[in-house]
C-alpha cells in the first residue's frame, strides 16, 4: 500500500527531520521525496510505502496532523489510489 504525503507551510529547520522520523517510528518507508522552498514557503511531496506500518492509516493521519500543528505546517496523507482517482482527467 502506497500513499502520497504533502507538507506545506513556512520554512523552518527540522520539518523534513520531524516528518521522516515520525514515518520511521511507524515503520513506513519513504520511496520518493521532492521538496522545494519558494521564497519563505516550504513544500514537500513524498511517496510512502505503508505496507509494513504498525498502526492504521487513520491513526497515522491523526498523528501527522498533530505533528503538523506542532510544526505550524499542513500535513496531508492520501492513499495512492485515492490520489490517482482525484487527479484523473
PDB file of N, CA and C in Angstrom:
ATOM      1  N   UNK A   1       0.843  -1.173   0.000  1.00  0.00           N
ATOM      2  CA  UNK A   1       0.000   0.000   0.000  1.00  0.00           C
ATOM      3  C   UNK A   1       0.888   1.235   0.000  1.00  0.00           C
ATOM      4  N   UNK A   2       0.631   2.132  -0.929  1.00  0.00           N
ATOM      5  CA  UNK A   2       1.397   3.370  -1.032  1.00  0.00           C
ATOM      6  C   UNK A   2       0.480   4.553  -0.766  1.00  0.00           C
ATOM      7  N   UNK A   3       1.098   5.657  -0.325  1.00  0.00           N
ATOM      8  CA  UNK A   3       0.351   6.879  -0.072  1.00  0.00           C
ATOM      9  C   UNK A   3       1.187   8.074  -0.508  1.00  0.00           C
ATOM     10  N   UNK A   4       0.497   9.171  -0.790  1.00  0.00           N
ATOM     11  CA  UNK A   4       1.138  10.440  -1.118  1.00  0.00           C
ATOM     12  C   UNK A   4       0.975  11.352   0.088  1.00  0.00           C
ATOM     13  N   UNK A   5       2.096  11.856   0.577  1.00  0.00           N
ATOM     14  CA  UNK A   5       2.106  12.740   1.742  1.00  0.00           C
ATOM     15  C   UNK A   5       2.582  14.110   1.299  1.00  0.00           C
ATOM     16  N   UNK A   6       1.853  15.159   1.679  1.00  0.00           N
ATOM     17  CA  UNK A   6       2.249  16.526   1.339  1.00  0.00           C
ATOM     18  C   UNK A   6       2.433  17.340   2.610  1.00  0.00           C
ATOM     19  N   UNK A   7       3.413  18.235   2.546  1.00  0.00           N
ATOM     20  CA  UNK A   7       3.680  19.163   3.652  1.00  0.00           C
ATOM     21  C   UNK A   7       3.827  20.549   3.050  1.00  0.00           C
ATOM     22  N   UNK A   8       3.076  21.506   3.582  1.00  0.00           N
ATOM     23  CA  UNK A   8       3.132  22.885   3.090  1.00  0.00           C
ATOM     24  C   UNK A   8       3.120  23.829   4.281  1.00  0.00           C
ATOM     25  N   UNK A   9       3.984  24.837   4.240  1.00  0.00           N
ATOM     26  CA  UNK A   9       3.989  25.839   5.298  1.00  0.00           C
ATOM     27  C   UNK A   9       5.203  26.729   5.202  1.00  0.00           C
ATOM     28  N   UNK A  10       5.342  27.612   6.173  1.00  0.00           N
ATOM     29  CA  UNK A  10       6.512  28.497   6.224  1.00  0.00           C
ATOM     30  C   UNK A  10       7.742  27.653   6.541  1.00  0.00           C
ATOM     31  N   UNK A  11       8.825  27.951   5.848  1.00  0.00           N
ATOM     32  CA  UNK A  11      10.054  27.185   6.024  1.00  0.00           C
ATOM     33  C   UNK A  11      10.669  27.434   7.396  1.00  0.00           C
ATOM     34  N   UNK A  12      11.189  26.354   7.982  1.00  0.00           N
ATOM     35  CA  UNK A  12      11.987  26.449   9.199  1.00  0.00           C
ATOM     36  C   UNK A  12      12.757  25.145   9.343  1.00  0.00           C
ATOM     37  N   UNK A  13      13.772  25.160  10.137  1.00  0.00           N
ATOM     38  CA  UNK A  13      14.610  23.979  10.336  1.00  0.00           C
ATOM     39  C   UNK A  13      13.817  22.850  10.984  1.00  0.00           C
ATOM     40  N   UNK A  14      14.074  21.623  10.530  1.00  0.00           N
ATOM     41  CA  UNK A  14      13.536  20.451  11.192  1.00  0.00           C
ATOM     42  C   UNK A  14      12.285  19.836  10.605  1.00  0.00           C
ATOM     43  N   UNK A  15      11.709  20.420   9.579  1.00  0.00           N
ATOM     44  CA  UNK A  15      10.462  19.868   9.035  1.00  0.00           C
ATOM     45  C   UNK A  15      10.702  18.471   8.473  1.00  0.00           C
ATOM     46  N   UNK A  16      11.682  18.336   7.590  1.00  0.00           N
ATOM     47  CA  UNK A  16      11.953  17.031   6.986  1.00  0.00           C
ATOM     48  C   UNK A  16      12.352  16.029   8.063  1.00  0.00           C
ATOM     49  N   UNK A  17      13.193  16.431   8.979  1.00  0.00           N
ATOM     50  CA  UNK A  17      13.649  15.526  10.047  1.00  0.00           C
ATOM     51  C   UNK A  17      12.480  15.033  10.892  1.00  0.00           C
ATOM     52  N   UNK A  18      11.595  15.930  11.274  1.00  0.00           N
ATOM     53  CA  UNK A  18      10.448  15.547  12.100  1.00  0.00           C
ATOM     54  C   UNK A  18       9.509  14.595  11.378  1.00  0.00           C
ATOM     55  N   UNK A  19       9.186  14.892  10.128  1.00  0.00           N
ATOM     56  CA  UNK A  19       8.244  14.059   9.379  1.00  0.00           C
ATOM     57  C   UNK A  19       8.874  12.700   9.081  1.00  0.00           C
ATOM     58  N   UNK A  20      10.116  12.680   8.633  1.00  0.00           N
ATOM     59  CA  UNK A  20      10.753  11.404   8.293  1.00  0.00           C
ATOM     60  C   UNK A  20      10.980  10.545   9.540  1.00  0.00           C
ATOM     61  N   UNK A  21      11.295  11.152  10.669  1.00  0.00           N
ATOM     62  CA  UNK A  21      11.448  10.401  11.917  1.00  0.00           C
ATOM     63  C   UNK A  21      10.124   9.783  12.339  1.00  0.00           C
ATOM     64  N   UNK A  22       9.042  10.541  12.253  1.00  0.00           N
ATOM     65  CA  UNK A  22       7.723  10.011  12.593  1.00  0.00           C
ATOM     66  C   UNK A  22       7.380   8.818  11.699  1.00  0.00           C
ATOM     67  N   UNK A  23       7.631   8.934  10.406  1.00  0.00           N
ATOM     68  CA  UNK A  23       7.355   7.830   9.488  1.00  0.00           C
ATOM     69  C   UNK A  23       8.207   6.606   9.826  1.00  0.00           C
ATOM     70  N   UNK A  24       9.472   6.818  10.148  1.00  0.00           N
ATOM     71  CA  UNK A  24      10.359   5.731  10.543  1.00  0.00           C
ATOM     72  C   UNK A  24       9.827   5.016  11.781  1.00  0.00           C
ATOM     73  N   UNK A  25       9.396   5.777  12.761  1.00  0.00           N
ATOM     74  CA  UNK A  25       8.882   5.197  14.011  1.00  0.00           C
ATOM     75  C   UNK A  25       7.635   4.352  13.783  1.00  0.00           C
ATOM     76  N   UNK A  26       6.886   4.652  12.736  1.00  0.00           N
ATOM     77  CA  UNK A  26       5.665   3.896  12.420  1.00  0.00           C
ATOM     78  C   UNK A  26       5.927   2.818  11.367  1.00  0.00           C
ATOM     79  N   UNK A  27       7.200   2.622  11.014  1.00  0.00           N
ATOM     80  CA  UNK A  27       7.638   1.579  10.089  1.00  0.00           C
ATOM     81  C   UNK A  27       7.217   1.837   8.648  1.00  0.00           C
ATOM     82  N   UNK A  28       7.047   3.093   8.281  1.00  0.00           N
ATOM     83  CA  UNK A  28       6.758   3.472   6.901  1.00  0.00           C
ATOM     84  C   UNK A  28       8.080   3.687   6.167  1.00  0.00           C
ATOM     85  N   UNK A  29       8.086   3.454   4.871  1.00  0.00           N
ATOM     86  CA  UNK A  29       9.282   3.607   4.064  1.00  0.00           C
ATOM     87  C   UNK A  29       9.068   4.707   3.029  1.00  0.00           C
ATOM     88  N   UNK A  30       9.945   5.684   3.014  1.00  0.00           N
ATOM     89  CA  UNK A  30       9.875   6.771   2.038  1.00  0.00           C
ATOM     90  C   UNK A  30      10.476   6.270   0.726  1.00  0.00           C
ATOM     91  N   UNK A  31       9.661   6.206  -0.318  1.00  0.00           N
ATOM     92  CA  UNK A  31      10.103   5.714  -1.626  1.00  0.00           C
ATOM     93  C   UNK A  31      10.653   6.829  -2.502  1.00  0.00           C
ATOM     94  N   UNK A  32      10.065   8.014  -2.383  1.00  0.00           N
ATOM     95  CA  UNK A  32      10.488   9.153  -3.195  1.00  0.00           C
ATOM     96  C   UNK A  32      10.138  10.417  -2.428  1.00  0.00           C
ATOM     97  N   UNK A  33      10.942  11.435  -2.608  1.00  0.00           N
ATOM     98  CA  UNK A  33      10.700  12.704  -1.919  1.00  0.00           C
ATOM     99  C   UNK A  33      11.115  13.845  -2.838  1.00  0.00           C
ATOM    100  N   UNK A  34      10.296  14.893  -2.833  1.00  0.00           N
ATOM    101  CA  UNK A  34      10.587  16.094  -3.589  1.00  0.00           C
ATOM    102  C   UNK A  34      10.216  17.264  -2.697  1.00  0.00           C
ATOM    103  N   UNK A  35      11.160  18.151  -2.483  1.00  0.00           N
ATOM    104  CA  UNK A  35      10.854  19.314  -1.662  1.00  0.00           C
ATOM    105  C   UNK A  35      11.489  20.539  -2.288  1.00  0.00           C
ATOM    106  N   UNK A  36      10.839  21.661  -2.036  1.00  0.00           N
ATOM    107  CA  UNK A  36      11.364  22.925  -2.543  1.00  0.00           C
ATOM    108  C   UNK A  36      10.963  24.045  -1.594  1.00  0.00           C
ATOM    109  N   UNK A  37      11.682  25.134  -1.688  1.00  0.00           N
ATOM    110  CA  UNK A  37      11.362  26.333  -0.924  1.00  0.00           C
ATOM    111  C   UNK A  37      11.167  27.453  -1.926  1.00  0.00           C
ATOM    112  N   UNK A  38       9.978  28.075  -1.882  1.00  0.00           N
ATOM    113  CA  UNK A  38       9.677  29.211  -2.748  1.00  0.00           C
ATOM    114  C   UNK A  38       9.509  30.423  -1.845  1.00  0.00           C
ATOM    115  N   UNK A  39      10.457  31.344  -1.962  1.00  0.00           N
ATOM    116  CA  UNK A  39      10.545  32.466  -1.030  1.00  0.00           C
ATOM    117  C   UNK A  39      10.639  31.890   0.368  1.00  0.00           C
ATOM    118  N   UNK A  40       9.671  32.097   1.212  1.00  0.00           N
ATOM    119  CA  UNK A  40       9.735  31.561   2.582  1.00  0.00           C
ATOM    120  C   UNK A  40       8.839  30.336   2.773  1.00  0.00           C
ATOM    121  N   UNK A  41       8.253  29.829   1.690  1.00  0.00           N
ATOM    122  CA  UNK A  41       7.303  28.722   1.807  1.00  0.00           C
ATOM    123  C   UNK A  41       7.949  27.391   1.449  1.00  0.00           C
ATOM    124  N   UNK A  42       7.754  26.416   2.328  1.00  0.00           N
ATOM    125  CA  UNK A  42       8.280  25.071   2.179  1.00  0.00           C
ATOM    126  C   UNK A  42       7.189  24.168   1.621  1.00  0.00           C
ATOM    127  N   UNK A  43       7.519  23.384   0.605  1.00  0.00           N
ATOM    128  CA  UNK A  43       6.585  22.380   0.085  1.00  0.00           C
ATOM    129  C   UNK A  43       7.334  21.065  -0.072  1.00  0.00           C
ATOM    130  N   UNK A  44       6.672  19.978   0.288  1.00  0.00           N
ATOM    131  CA  UNK A  44       7.276  18.662   0.154  1.00  0.00           C
ATOM    132  C   UNK A  44       6.201  17.653  -0.239  1.00  0.00           C
ATOM    133  N   UNK A  45       6.571  16.766  -1.146  1.00  0.00           N
ATOM    134  CA  UNK A  45       5.703  15.661  -1.537  1.00  0.00           C
ATOM    135  C   UNK A  45       6.511  14.384  -1.380  1.00  0.00           C
ATOM    136  N   UNK A  46       5.930  13.410  -0.689  1.00  0.00           N
ATOM    137  CA  UNK A  46       6.588  12.114  -0.506  1.00  0.00           C
ATOM    138  C   UNK A  46       5.682  11.013  -1.035  1.00  0.00           C
ATOM    139  N   UNK A  47       6.281   9.997  -1.634  1.00  0.00           N
ATOM    140  CA  UNK A  47       5.593   8.753  -1.924  1.00  0.00           C
ATOM    141  C   UNK A  47       6.069   7.779  -0.853  1.00  0.00           C
ATOM    142  N   UNK A  48       5.119   7.235  -0.096  1.00  0.00           N
ATOM    143  CA  UNK A  48       5.457   6.440   1.080  1.00  0.00           C
ATOM    144  C   UNK A  48       4.842   5.049   0.959  1.00  0.00           C
ATOM    145  N   UNK A  49       5.642   4.028   1.269  1.00  0.00           N
ATOM    146  CA  UNK A  49       5.156   2.654   1.320  1.00  0.00           C
ATOM    147  C   UNK A  49       4.657   2.394   2.739  1.00  0.00           C
ATOM    148  N   UNK A  50       3.367   2.078   2.851  1.00  0.00           N
ATOM    149  CA  UNK A  50       2.746   1.861   4.160  1.00  0.00           C
ATOM    150  C   UNK A  50       2.450   0.388   4.438  1.00  0.00           C
ATOM    151  N   UNK A  51       2.963  -0.508   3.606  1.00  0.00           N
ATOM    152  CA  UNK A  51       2.603  -1.917   3.733  1.00  0.00           C
ATOM    153  C   UNK A  51       3.058  -2.547   5.048  1.00  0.00           C
ATOM    154  N   UNK A  52       4.036  -1.963   5.724  1.00  0.00           N
ATOM    155  CA  UNK A  52       4.540  -2.534   6.982  1.00  0.00           C
ATOM    156  C   UNK A  52       4.275  -1.648   8.202  1.00  0.00           C
ATOM    157  N   UNK A  53       3.417  -0.625   8.067  1.00  0.00           N
ATOM    158  CA  UNK A  53       3.204   0.263   9.217  1.00  0.00           C
ATOM    159  C   UNK A  53       2.576  -0.497  10.378  1.00  0.00           C
ATOM    160  N   UNK A  54       2.873  -0.024  11.589  1.00  0.00           N
ATOM    161  CA  UNK A  54       2.417  -0.704  12.789  1.00  0.00           C
ATOM    162  C   UNK A  54       1.176  -0.069  13.412  1.00  0.00           C
ATOM    163  N   UNK A  55       0.508   0.805  12.659  1.00  0.00           N
ATOM    164  CA  UNK A  55      -0.758   1.425  13.069  1.00  0.00           C
ATOM    165  C   UNK A  55      -1.643   1.522  11.828  1.00  0.00           C
ATOM    166  N   UNK A  56      -2.886   1.929  12.013  1.00  0.00           N
ATOM    167  CA  UNK A  56      -3.774   2.085  10.855  1.00  0.00           C
ATOM    168  C   UNK A  56      -3.460   3.390  10.119  1.00  0.00           C
ATOM    169  N   UNK A  57      -3.906   3.472   8.873  1.00  0.00           N
ATOM    170  CA  UNK A  57      -3.736   4.700   8.094  1.00  0.00           C
ATOM    171  C   UNK A  57      -4.455   5.859   8.779  1.00  0.00           C
ATOM    172  N   UNK A  58      -5.614   5.597   9.351  1.00  0.00           N
ATOM    173  CA  UNK A  58      -6.361   6.638  10.055  1.00  0.00           C
ATOM    174  C   UNK A  58      -5.553   7.177  11.244  1.00  0.00           C
ATOM    175  N   UNK A  59      -4.950   6.275  12.009  1.00  0.00           N
ATOM    176  CA  UNK A  59      -4.131   6.711  13.146  1.00  0.00           C
ATOM    177  C   UNK A  59      -2.906   7.492  12.677  1.00  0.00           C
ATOM    178  N   UNK A  60      -2.277   7.026  11.600  1.00  0.00           N
ATOM    179  CA  UNK A  60      -1.119   7.735  11.057  1.00  0.00           C
ATOM    180  C   UNK A  60      -1.516   9.132  10.614  1.00  0.00           C
ATOM    181  N   UNK A  61      -2.650   9.262   9.960  1.00  0.00           N
ATOM    182  CA  UNK A  61      -3.142  10.561   9.529  1.00  0.00           C
ATOM    183  C   UNK A  61      -3.340  11.495  10.724  1.00  0.00           C
ATOM    184  N   UNK A  62      -3.924  10.980  11.805  1.00  0.00           N
ATOM    185  CA  UNK A  62      -4.146  11.792  13.007  1.00  0.00           C
ATOM    186  C   UNK A  62      -2.820  12.249  13.618  1.00  0.00           C
ATOM    187  N   UNK A  63      -1.846  11.348  13.681  1.00  0.00           N
ATOM    188  CA  UNK A  63      -0.537  11.688  14.243  1.00  0.00           C
ATOM    189  C   UNK A  63       0.176  12.717  13.374  1.00  0.00           C
ATOM    190  N   UNK A  64       0.093  12.549  12.050  1.00  0.00           N
ATOM    191  CA  UNK A  64       0.707  13.515  11.137  1.00  0.00           C
ATOM    192  C   UNK A  64       0.040  14.882  11.242  1.00  0.00           C
ATOM    193  N   UNK A  65      -1.272  14.901  11.395  1.00  0.00           N
ATOM    194  CA  UNK A  65      -1.995  16.163  11.555  1.00  0.00           C
ATOM    195  C   UNK A  65      -1.528  16.883  12.823  1.00  0.00           C
ATOM    196  N   UNK A  66      -1.383  16.139  13.906  1.00  0.00           N
ATOM    197  CA  UNK A  66      -0.904  16.735  15.166  1.00  0.00           C
ATOM    198  C   UNK A  66       0.526  17.237  15.021  1.00  0.00           C
ATOM    199  N   UNK A  67       1.378  16.468  14.343  1.00  0.00           N
ATOM    200  CA  UNK A  67       2.753  16.899  14.118  1.00  0.00           C
ATOM    201  C   UNK A  67       2.763  18.184  13.290  1.00  0.00           C
ATOM    202  N   UNK A  68       1.870  18.283  12.315  1.00  0.00           N
ATOM    203  CA  UNK A  68       1.758  19.495  11.513  1.00  0.00           C
ATOM    204  C   UNK A  68       1.401  20.706  12.356  1.00  0.00           C
ATOM    205  N   UNK A  69       0.501  20.517  13.322  1.00  0.00           N
ATOM    206  CA  UNK A  69       0.133  21.623  14.219  1.00  0.00           C
ATOM    207  C   UNK A  69       1.340  22.076  15.027  1.00  0.00           C
ATOM    208  N   UNK A  70       2.128  21.126  15.508  1.00  0.00           N
ATOM    209  CA  UNK A  70       3.327  21.452  16.295  1.00  0.00           C
ATOM    210  C   UNK A  70       4.333  22.218  15.439  1.00  0.00           C
ATOM    211  N   UNK A  71       4.498  21.787  14.186  1.00  0.00           N
ATOM    212  CA  UNK A  71       5.459  22.423  13.282  1.00  0.00           C
ATOM    213  C   UNK A  71       4.897  23.650  12.575  1.00  0.00           C
ATOM    214  N   UNK A  72       3.595  23.896  12.751  1.00  0.00           N
ATOM    215  CA  UNK A  72       2.906  25.003  12.092  1.00  0.00           C
ATOM    216  C   UNK A  72       2.941  24.863  10.565  1.00  0.00           C
ATOM    217  N   UNK A  73       2.703  23.613  10.098  1.00  0.00           N
ATOM    218  CA  UNK A  73       2.586  23.328   8.666  1.00  0.00           C
ATOM    219  C   UNK A  73       1.364  22.438   8.465  1.00  0.00           C
ATOM    220  N   UNK A  74       0.936  22.324   7.224  1.00  0.00           N
ATOM    221  CA  UNK A  74      -0.164  21.430   6.877  1.00  0.00           C
ATOM    222  C   UNK A  74       0.423  20.117   6.356  1.00  0.00           C
ATOM    223  N   UNK A  75       0.053  19.004   6.994  1.00  0.00           N
ATOM    224  CA  UNK A  75       0.497  17.684   6.544  1.00  0.00           C
ATOM    225  C   UNK A  75      -0.740  16.876   6.177  1.00  0.00           C
ATOM    226  N   UNK A  76      -0.758  16.380   4.959  1.00  0.00           N
ATOM    227  CA  UNK A  76      -1.877  15.565   4.460  1.00  0.00           C
ATOM    228  C   UNK A  76      -1.326  14.265   3.899  1.00  0.00           C
ATOM    229  N   UNK A  77      -2.058  13.181   4.116  1.00  0.00           N
ATOM    230  CA  UNK A  77      -1.682  11.897   3.539  1.00  0.00           C
ATOM    231  C   UNK A  77      -2.907  11.287   2.878  1.00  0.00           C
ATOM    232  N   UNK A  78      -2.709  10.773   1.665  1.00  0.00           N
ATOM    233  CA  UNK A  78      -3.796  10.142   0.914  1.00  0.00           C
ATOM    234  C   UNK A  78      -3.303   8.828   0.339  1.00  0.00           C
ATOM    235  N   UNK A  79      -4.140   7.806   0.437  1.00  0.00           N
ATOM    236  CA  UNK A  79      -3.820   6.539  -0.201  1.00  0.00           C
ATOM    237  C   UNK A  79      -3.578   6.802  -1.680  1.00  0.00           C
ATOM    238  N   UNK A  80      -2.620   6.130  -2.264  1.00  0.00           N
ATOM    239  CA  UNK A  80      -2.260   6.353  -3.667  1.00  0.00           C
ATOM    240  C   UNK A  80      -3.453   6.206  -4.609  1.00  0.00           C
ATOM    241  N   UNK A  81      -4.321   5.234  -4.355  1.00  0.00           N
ATOM    242  CA  UNK A  81      -5.495   5.033  -5.218  1.00  0.00           C
ATOM    243  C   UNK A  81      -6.436   6.232  -5.178  1.00  0.00           C
ATOM    244  N   UNK A  82      -6.643   6.794  -3.997  1.00  0.00           N
ATOM    245  CA  UNK A  82      -7.500   7.973  -3.859  1.00  0.00           C
ATOM    246  C   UNK A  82      -6.862   9.149  -4.579  1.00  0.00           C
ATOM    247  N   UNK A  83      -5.577   9.332  -4.364  1.00  0.00           N
ATOM    248  CA  UNK A  83      -4.855  10.427  -5.013  1.00  0.00           C
ATOM    249  C   UNK A  83      -4.947  10.302  -6.534  1.00  0.00           C
ATOM    250  N   UNK A  84      -4.727   9.093  -7.058  1.00  0.00           N
ATOM    251  CA  UNK A  84      -4.789   8.888  -8.510  1.00  0.00           C
ATOM    252  C   UNK A  84      -6.202   9.134  -9.041  1.00  0.00           C
ATOM    253  N   UNK A  85      -7.221   8.672  -8.332  1.00  0.00           N
ATOM    254  CA  UNK A  85      -8.616   8.853  -8.764  1.00  0.00           C
ATOM    255  C   UNK A  85      -8.995  10.325  -8.794  1.00  0.00           C
ATOM    256  N   UNK A  86      -8.526  11.097  -7.837  1.00  0.00           N
ATOM    257  CA  UNK A  86      -8.861  12.519  -7.767  1.00  0.00           C
ATOM    258  C   UNK A  86      -8.227  13.313  -8.898  1.00  0.00           C
ATOM    259  N   UNK A  87      -7.140  12.800  -9.442  1.00  0.00           N
ATOM    260  CA  UNK A  87      -6.396  13.564 -10.428  1.00  0.00           C
ATOM    261  C   UNK A  87      -6.483  13.003 -11.837  1.00  0.00           C
ATOM    262  N   UNK A  88      -7.467  12.171 -12.096  1.00  0.00           N
ATOM    263  CA  UNK A  88      -7.700  11.697 -13.451  1.00  0.00           C
ATOM    264  C   UNK A  88      -8.430  12.765 -14.249  1.00  0.00           C
ATOM    265  N   UNK A  89      -8.070  12.927 -15.490  1.00  0.00           N
ATOM    266  CA  UNK A  89      -8.707  13.929 -16.336  1.00  0.00           C
ATOM    267  C   UNK A  89      -9.776  13.287 -17.165  1.00  0.00           C
TER     268      UNK A  89
END
